[in-house]
Amino acid sequence: MATEGPGGGYGGLQVVLAGNIASGKSTLARGLADRLGLALIEESVGDNPYLDRFYADMPRWAFHLNMYFLGSRSQAILDATTSGRGGVFDRSLYEDRLFVDLARADGITPEDNYAVFRSLYDVLERVLPPPSILIYLEAPTDVLRRRITARGRAFEQELTVEYLDRIQGAYRDWVSTFDRCPVLRVDAEANDYRTDERSLELLYKQVQRRLGSATG
């Protein structure tokens, strides 16, 4: 069975969220981390040295950004698992490849840079422990676009619905074949975890049940 951690949580487990930009990963991760008694491990955004530069000049900075995310995320997974503390992650390692594959298809990431990324990614995917559970959030892209506008991150404001549609398609293809751990799909439009405590509590109970069946 899962190990009970502080606050009645599950010490040592790796709960990972995935989904398109502005699907609500960070909000849900905070709520679940509190209820599960696990550390919240957030993607580096505010202190990321490449995000602004990437959105201003994608071909120039894509490789730097991709490698930065891959390195920082891998280190966070390693720290959480080797310490035995576990954590709730607001984005997965696997999404790093998803975005790089899109950038390659768009001609933003050249083949030589893609090969370097994949050589490292493939090793890390093999040696790092998979999540205990992956929670996949999806909402319509017009909803995501409104959320992007509302949260006001300057570097995101040029993102179009068409671009979000392409990402959404890539996510659907990826999650349909993902088998590294149990997957819990969440309707991120119908459930507003920022304000609806009941929805959050219901999802927490679902996660509890899935973690129990996965580790029992």
Protein backbone atom coordinates (compact mmCIF):
# COMPACT_ATOMS: atom_id res chain seq x y z
CA MET A 1 0.00 0.00 0.00
CA ALA A 2 1.03 3.63 -0.37
CA THR A 3 2.98 5.11 2.50
CA GLU A 4 1.07 7.66 4.56
CA GLY A 5 2.92 10.96 4.67
CA PRO A 6 2.47 14.23 6.55
CA GLY A 7 -1.11 15.45 6.62
CA GLY A 8 -2.46 12.01 5.78
CA GLY A 9 -0.74 12.00 2.39
CA TYR A 10 1.29 9.55 0.37
CA GLY A 11 5.00 9.95 0.99
CA GLY A 12 7.28 8.96 -1.87
CA LEU A 13 4.65 8.98 -4.62
CA GLN A 14 4.94 11.04 -7.76
CA VAL A 15 1.66 12.66 -8.81
CA VAL A 16 2.09 14.36 -12.18
CA LEU A 17 -0.24 16.72 -14.03
CA ALA A 18 -0.27 17.20 -17.80
CA GLY A 19 -2.24 19.34 -20.21
CA ASN A 20 -2.24 22.24 -22.61
CA ILE A 21 -1.22 25.78 -21.69
CA ALA A 22 -3.68 27.32 -19.17
CA SER A 23 -5.56 24.05 -18.60
CA GLY A 24 -5.32 24.56 -14.83
CA LYS A 25 -2.36 22.35 -13.94
CA SER A 26 -0.76 24.65 -11.38
CA THR A 27 -4.02 25.42 -9.58
CA LEU A 28 -4.94 21.76 -9.32
CA ALA A 29 -1.41 20.77 -8.32
CA ARG A 30 -1.53 23.16 -5.37
CA GLY A 31 -4.85 21.76 -4.17
CA LEU A 32 -3.77 18.15 -4.49
CA ALA A 33 -0.38 18.72 -2.87
CA ASP A 34 -2.11 20.17 0.18
CA ARG A 35 -4.59 17.29 0.46
CA LEU A 36 -2.10 14.51 -0.26
CA GLY A 37 0.55 15.91 2.09
CA LEU A 38 3.14 16.03 -0.71
CA ALA A 39 5.53 18.75 -1.80
CA LEU A 40 4.37 20.99 -4.65
CA ILE A 41 6.95 20.95 -7.45
CA GLU A 42 6.19 23.68 -9.96
CA GLU A 43 7.57 24.28 -13.41
CA SER A 44 10.14 27.06 -13.52
CA VAL A 45 8.35 30.05 -15.07
CA GLY A 46 9.06 33.21 -13.08
CA ASP A 47 12.79 32.50 -12.81
CA ASN A 48 13.17 30.89 -16.25
CA PRO A 49 15.89 32.79 -18.15
CA TYR A 50 14.66 31.71 -21.60
CA LEU A 51 10.85 31.99 -21.74
CA ASP A 52 10.61 35.65 -22.72
CA ARG A 53 13.43 35.27 -25.24
CA PHE A 54 11.86 32.11 -26.69
CA TYR A 55 8.51 33.76 -27.41
CA ALA A 56 10.31 36.74 -28.94
CA ASP A 57 12.54 34.59 -31.19
CA MET A 58 11.57 30.91 -31.19
CA PRO A 59 14.17 29.52 -33.63
CA ARG A 60 17.03 31.14 -31.73
CA TRP A 61 16.01 30.15 -28.22
CA ALA A 62 14.00 26.93 -28.58
CA PHE A 63 16.93 24.60 -27.93
CA HIS A 64 18.08 26.56 -24.86
CA LEU A 65 14.56 26.52 -23.43
CA ASN A 66 14.00 22.84 -24.14
CA MET A 67 17.25 21.79 -22.52
CA TYR A 68 16.62 24.05 -19.53
CA PHE A 69 13.20 22.48 -18.93
CA LEU A 70 14.51 18.96 -19.44
CA GLY A 71 17.37 19.48 -16.99
CA SER A 72 15.38 21.24 -14.28
CA ARG A 73 12.48 18.81 -14.48
CA SER A 74 14.74 15.75 -14.38
CA GLN A 75 16.57 17.13 -11.36
CA ALA A 76 13.27 17.76 -9.57
CA ILE A 77 12.09 14.19 -10.25
CA LEU A 78 15.41 12.79 -9.06
CA ASP A 79 15.37 14.88 -5.87
CA ALA A 80 11.76 13.95 -5.04
CA THR A 81 12.19 10.24 -5.60
CA THR A 82 15.64 9.67 -4.09
CA SER A 83 14.68 11.60 -0.97
CA GLY A 84 11.58 9.44 -0.53
CA ARG A 85 9.41 12.55 -0.16
CA GLY A 86 7.70 12.38 -3.55
CA GLY A 87 5.69 15.31 -4.80
CA VAL A 88 2.96 16.75 -6.99
CA PHE A 89 4.40 18.02 -10.28
CA ASP A 90 2.50 20.57 -12.37
CA ARG A 91 4.00 19.29 -15.63
CA SER A 92 5.51 16.02 -16.78
CA LEU A 93 8.85 15.09 -18.31
CA TYR A 94 7.02 13.57 -21.28
CA GLU A 95 5.59 16.92 -22.33
CA ASP A 96 9.10 18.22 -22.92
CA ARG A 97 9.35 15.83 -25.85
CA LEU A 98 5.83 16.71 -27.04
CA PHE A 99 6.75 20.39 -27.40
CA VAL A 100 10.10 19.63 -29.01
CA ASP A 101 8.41 17.34 -31.54
CA LEU A 102 6.05 20.20 -32.44
CA ALA A 103 8.94 22.64 -32.75
CA ARG A 104 10.76 20.21 -35.02
CA ALA A 105 7.67 19.77 -37.22
CA ASP A 106 7.37 23.57 -37.49
CA GLY A 107 11.01 23.97 -38.49
CA ILE A 108 11.81 25.83 -35.28
CA THR A 109 14.14 23.14 -33.94
CA PRO A 110 16.68 21.90 -36.52
CA GLU A 111 17.50 18.21 -36.85
CA ASP A 112 20.91 18.42 -35.17
CA ASN A 113 19.47 20.13 -32.08
CA TYR A 114 16.57 17.67 -32.05
CA ALA A 115 19.01 14.74 -32.12
CA VAL A 116 20.92 16.14 -29.13
CA PHE A 117 17.69 16.65 -27.19
CA ARG A 118 16.42 13.15 -27.97
CA SER A 119 19.71 11.48 -27.04
CA LEU A 120 19.44 12.94 -23.53
CA TYR A 121 15.66 12.66 -23.24
CA ASP A 122 15.64 8.97 -24.17
CA VAL A 123 18.17 8.16 -21.46
CA LEU A 124 16.28 10.15 -18.82
CA GLU A 125 12.94 8.59 -19.71
CA ARG A 126 14.52 5.16 -19.32
CA VAL A 127 16.30 5.74 -15.99
CA LEU A 128 13.96 8.08 -14.11
CA PRO A 129 11.05 6.42 -12.28
CA PRO A 130 7.66 6.88 -13.96
CA PRO A 131 4.87 8.74 -12.15
CA SER A 132 2.61 6.96 -9.69
CA ILE A 133 -0.31 8.56 -11.55
CA LEU A 134 -0.69 11.06 -14.39
CA ILE A 135 -3.64 13.45 -14.31
CA TYR A 136 -4.48 14.77 -17.78
CA LEU A 137 -6.48 18.01 -17.96
CA GLU A 138 -8.29 19.13 -21.10
CA ALA A 139 -10.46 22.15 -21.92
CA PRO A 140 -11.56 23.68 -25.24
CA THR A 141 -8.92 25.93 -26.74
CA ASP A 142 -11.16 29.01 -26.77
CA VAL A 143 -11.44 28.57 -22.99
CA LEU A 144 -7.66 28.26 -22.73
CA ARG A 145 -7.21 31.44 -24.78
CA ARG A 146 -9.49 33.38 -22.43
CA ARG A 147 -7.57 32.08 -19.42
CA ILE A 148 -4.28 33.12 -21.01
CA THR A 149 -5.64 36.63 -21.49
CA ALA A 150 -6.95 36.75 -17.92
CA ARG A 151 -3.72 35.66 -16.24
CA GLY A 152 -1.78 38.27 -18.18
CA ARG A 153 1.63 36.73 -18.75
CA ALA A 154 3.14 39.04 -21.35
CA PHE A 155 5.07 36.31 -23.16
CA GLU A 156 1.88 34.27 -23.75
CA GLN A 157 -0.36 36.98 -25.18
CA GLU A 158 0.53 36.33 -28.83
CA LEU A 159 -0.50 32.66 -28.61
CA THR A 160 -3.39 31.97 -30.99
CA VAL A 161 -6.26 29.53 -30.76
CA GLU A 162 -4.81 27.83 -33.86
CA TYR A 163 -1.51 27.25 -32.05
CA LEU A 164 -3.35 25.92 -29.00
CA ASP A 165 -5.34 23.61 -31.31
CA ARG A 166 -2.12 22.09 -32.62
CA ILE A 167 -0.86 21.52 -29.09
CA GLN A 168 -4.22 20.01 -28.10
CA GLY A 169 -4.03 17.56 -30.99
CA ALA A 170 -0.52 16.53 -29.98
CA TYR A 171 -1.68 15.98 -26.40
CA ARG A 172 -4.60 13.80 -27.49
CA ASP A 173 -2.34 11.66 -29.66
CA TRP A 174 0.19 11.32 -26.86
CA VAL A 175 -2.16 10.52 -23.99
CA SER A 176 -4.10 7.98 -26.06
CA THR A 177 -1.04 5.71 -26.14
CA PHE A 178 0.64 6.67 -22.85
CA ASP A 179 1.13 3.57 -20.70
CA ARG A 180 3.91 4.39 -18.25
CA CYS A 181 1.47 4.73 -15.34
CA PRO A 182 -2.28 4.99 -14.62
CA VAL A 183 -3.95 8.00 -16.28
CA LEU A 184 -6.85 9.98 -14.81
CA ARG A 185 -8.57 12.26 -17.35
CA VAL A 186 -10.12 15.49 -16.09
CA ASP A 187 -12.60 17.86 -17.76
CA ALA A 188 -10.86 21.14 -16.97
CA GLU A 189 -13.71 23.24 -18.35
CA ALA A 190 -16.53 21.72 -16.32
CA ASN A 191 -14.50 21.67 -13.10
CA ASP A 192 -13.06 24.95 -11.81
CA TYR A 193 -10.58 23.93 -9.14
CA ARG A 194 -9.74 27.56 -8.34
CA THR A 195 -13.11 28.23 -6.74
CA ASP A 196 -15.01 24.94 -6.44
CA GLU A 197 -13.88 23.09 -3.33
CA ARG A 198 -16.38 20.31 -3.93
CA SER A 199 -14.91 19.49 -7.36
CA LEU A 200 -11.43 19.50 -5.88
CA GLU A 201 -12.48 17.19 -3.05
CA LEU A 202 -14.15 14.77 -5.48
CA LEU A 203 -11.05 14.66 -7.64
CA TYR A 204 -8.88 14.12 -4.56
CA LYS A 205 -11.01 11.08 -3.68
CA GLN A 206 -10.59 9.75 -7.22
CA VAL A 207 -6.83 10.18 -6.99
CA GLN A 208 -6.81 8.42 -3.61
CA ARG A 209 -8.63 5.44 -5.09
CA ARG A 210 -6.38 5.27 -8.14
CA LEU A 211 -3.24 5.53 -6.03
CA GLY A 212 -4.53 2.80 -3.76
CA SER A 213 -5.20 0.43 -6.64
CA ALA A 214 -1.86 1.29 -8.29
CA THR A 215 0.24 0.72 -5.17
CA GLY A 216 -1.77 -1.88 -3.29
